[in-house]
Amino acid sequence: MSKQNKNQNTEQKPMLFGRENYKYLFIGLAFIILGFALMSGGGSKEPDVWNPEIFSFRRIRLSPMLILFGIIVEIYAIMRKPE
């Protein structure tokens, strides 16, 4: 009886995602982290001084596009059928 239990427990279940899916998941996560990293900063050390750097191209256009692209890659990685 114990041999049957061991055989049943050693059966490997197929992975939910394939190797390519995980690769795309990590690539999408890297784009999202990069987007948030580029969005950070630009503050002023003195609260009374205006710093126009917060409205730069990098923070207003590039960072949100990288984050959105990362989310699209994540959705693709989840929806892609493993081989």
Protein backbone atom coordinates (compact mmCIF):
# COMPACT_ATOMS: atom_id res chain seq x y z
CA MET A 1 0.00 0.00 0.00
CA SER A 2 2.82 2.42 0.79
CA LYS A 3 4.41 1.84 -2.64
CA GLN A 4 1.21 2.98 -4.34
CA ASN A 5 1.17 6.17 -2.28
CA LYS A 6 4.81 6.87 -3.16
CA ASN A 7 4.09 6.38 -6.87
CA GLN A 8 1.10 8.69 -6.71
CA ASN A 9 3.06 11.37 -4.85
CA THR A 10 6.00 11.30 -7.27
CA GLU A 11 3.87 12.11 -10.31
CA GLN A 12 4.92 15.49 -11.61
CA LYS A 13 2.21 17.94 -12.45
CA PRO A 14 2.78 20.03 -15.57
CA MET A 15 3.91 23.58 -14.93
CA LEU A 16 1.37 26.32 -15.39
CA PHE A 17 3.65 28.39 -17.62
CA GLY A 18 6.46 27.37 -19.93
CA ARG A 19 10.01 28.66 -19.99
CA GLU A 20 9.17 31.33 -22.60
CA ASN A 21 6.24 32.57 -20.49
CA TYR A 22 8.49 33.14 -17.50
CA LYS A 23 11.04 34.89 -19.70
CA TYR A 24 8.37 37.32 -20.92
CA LEU A 25 7.07 37.79 -17.37
CA PHE A 26 10.52 38.87 -16.17
CA ILE A 27 11.04 41.13 -19.20
CA GLY A 28 7.70 42.84 -18.54
CA LEU A 29 8.56 43.22 -14.86
CA ALA A 30 11.90 44.80 -15.82
CA PHE A 31 10.11 47.36 -18.03
CA ILE A 32 7.72 48.24 -15.22
CA ILE A 33 10.54 48.65 -12.68
CA LEU A 34 12.55 50.74 -15.14
CA GLY A 35 9.53 52.96 -15.78
CA PHE A 36 8.98 53.61 -12.09
CA ALA A 37 12.70 54.22 -11.56
CA LEU A 38 12.76 56.83 -14.35
CA MET A 39 9.69 58.51 -12.88
CA SER A 40 11.27 59.02 -9.46
CA GLY A 41 13.25 62.04 -8.35
CA GLY A 42 13.03 65.64 -9.46
CA GLY A 43 12.07 66.96 -6.06
CA SER A 44 13.43 70.10 -4.52
CA LYS A 45 15.38 70.24 -1.27
CA GLU A 46 13.67 73.49 -0.36
CA PRO A 47 9.86 73.49 -0.41
CA ASP A 48 9.69 77.15 -1.49
CA VAL A 49 11.76 76.63 -4.67
CA TRP A 50 9.98 75.57 -7.89
CA ASN A 51 11.74 72.83 -9.84
CA PRO A 52 10.48 72.51 -13.46
CA GLU A 53 12.35 69.19 -13.77
CA ILE A 54 9.24 67.33 -12.54
CA PHE A 55 7.59 68.02 -15.90
CA SER A 56 10.43 66.65 -18.05
CA PHE A 57 9.87 64.35 -21.04
CA ARG A 58 11.31 61.46 -19.06
CA ARG A 59 8.74 61.71 -16.26
CA ILE A 60 5.67 62.73 -18.27
CA ARG A 61 6.00 60.66 -21.46
CA LEU A 62 8.75 58.02 -21.33
CA SER A 63 8.07 56.49 -17.90
CA PRO A 64 4.32 55.91 -18.37
CA MET A 65 4.95 54.44 -21.84
CA LEU A 66 7.51 51.99 -20.41
CA ILE A 67 5.11 50.99 -17.63
CA LEU A 68 2.26 50.50 -20.11
CA PHE A 69 4.51 48.47 -22.41
CA GLY A 70 5.57 46.33 -19.44
CA ILE A 71 1.93 45.65 -18.55
CA ILE A 72 1.19 44.66 -22.16
CA VAL A 73 4.16 42.27 -22.13
CA GLU A 74 2.88 40.80 -18.84
CA ILE A 75 -0.58 40.22 -20.33
CA TYR A 76 0.99 38.59 -23.39
CA ALA A 77 3.14 36.34 -21.17
CA ILE A 78 0.08 35.21 -19.22
CA MET A 79 -2.09 34.60 -22.29
CA ARG A 80 0.57 32.83 -24.38
CA LYS A 81 0.12 29.07 -24.57
CA PRO A 82 3.10 27.09 -23.37
CA GLU A 83 4.58 24.73 -25.92
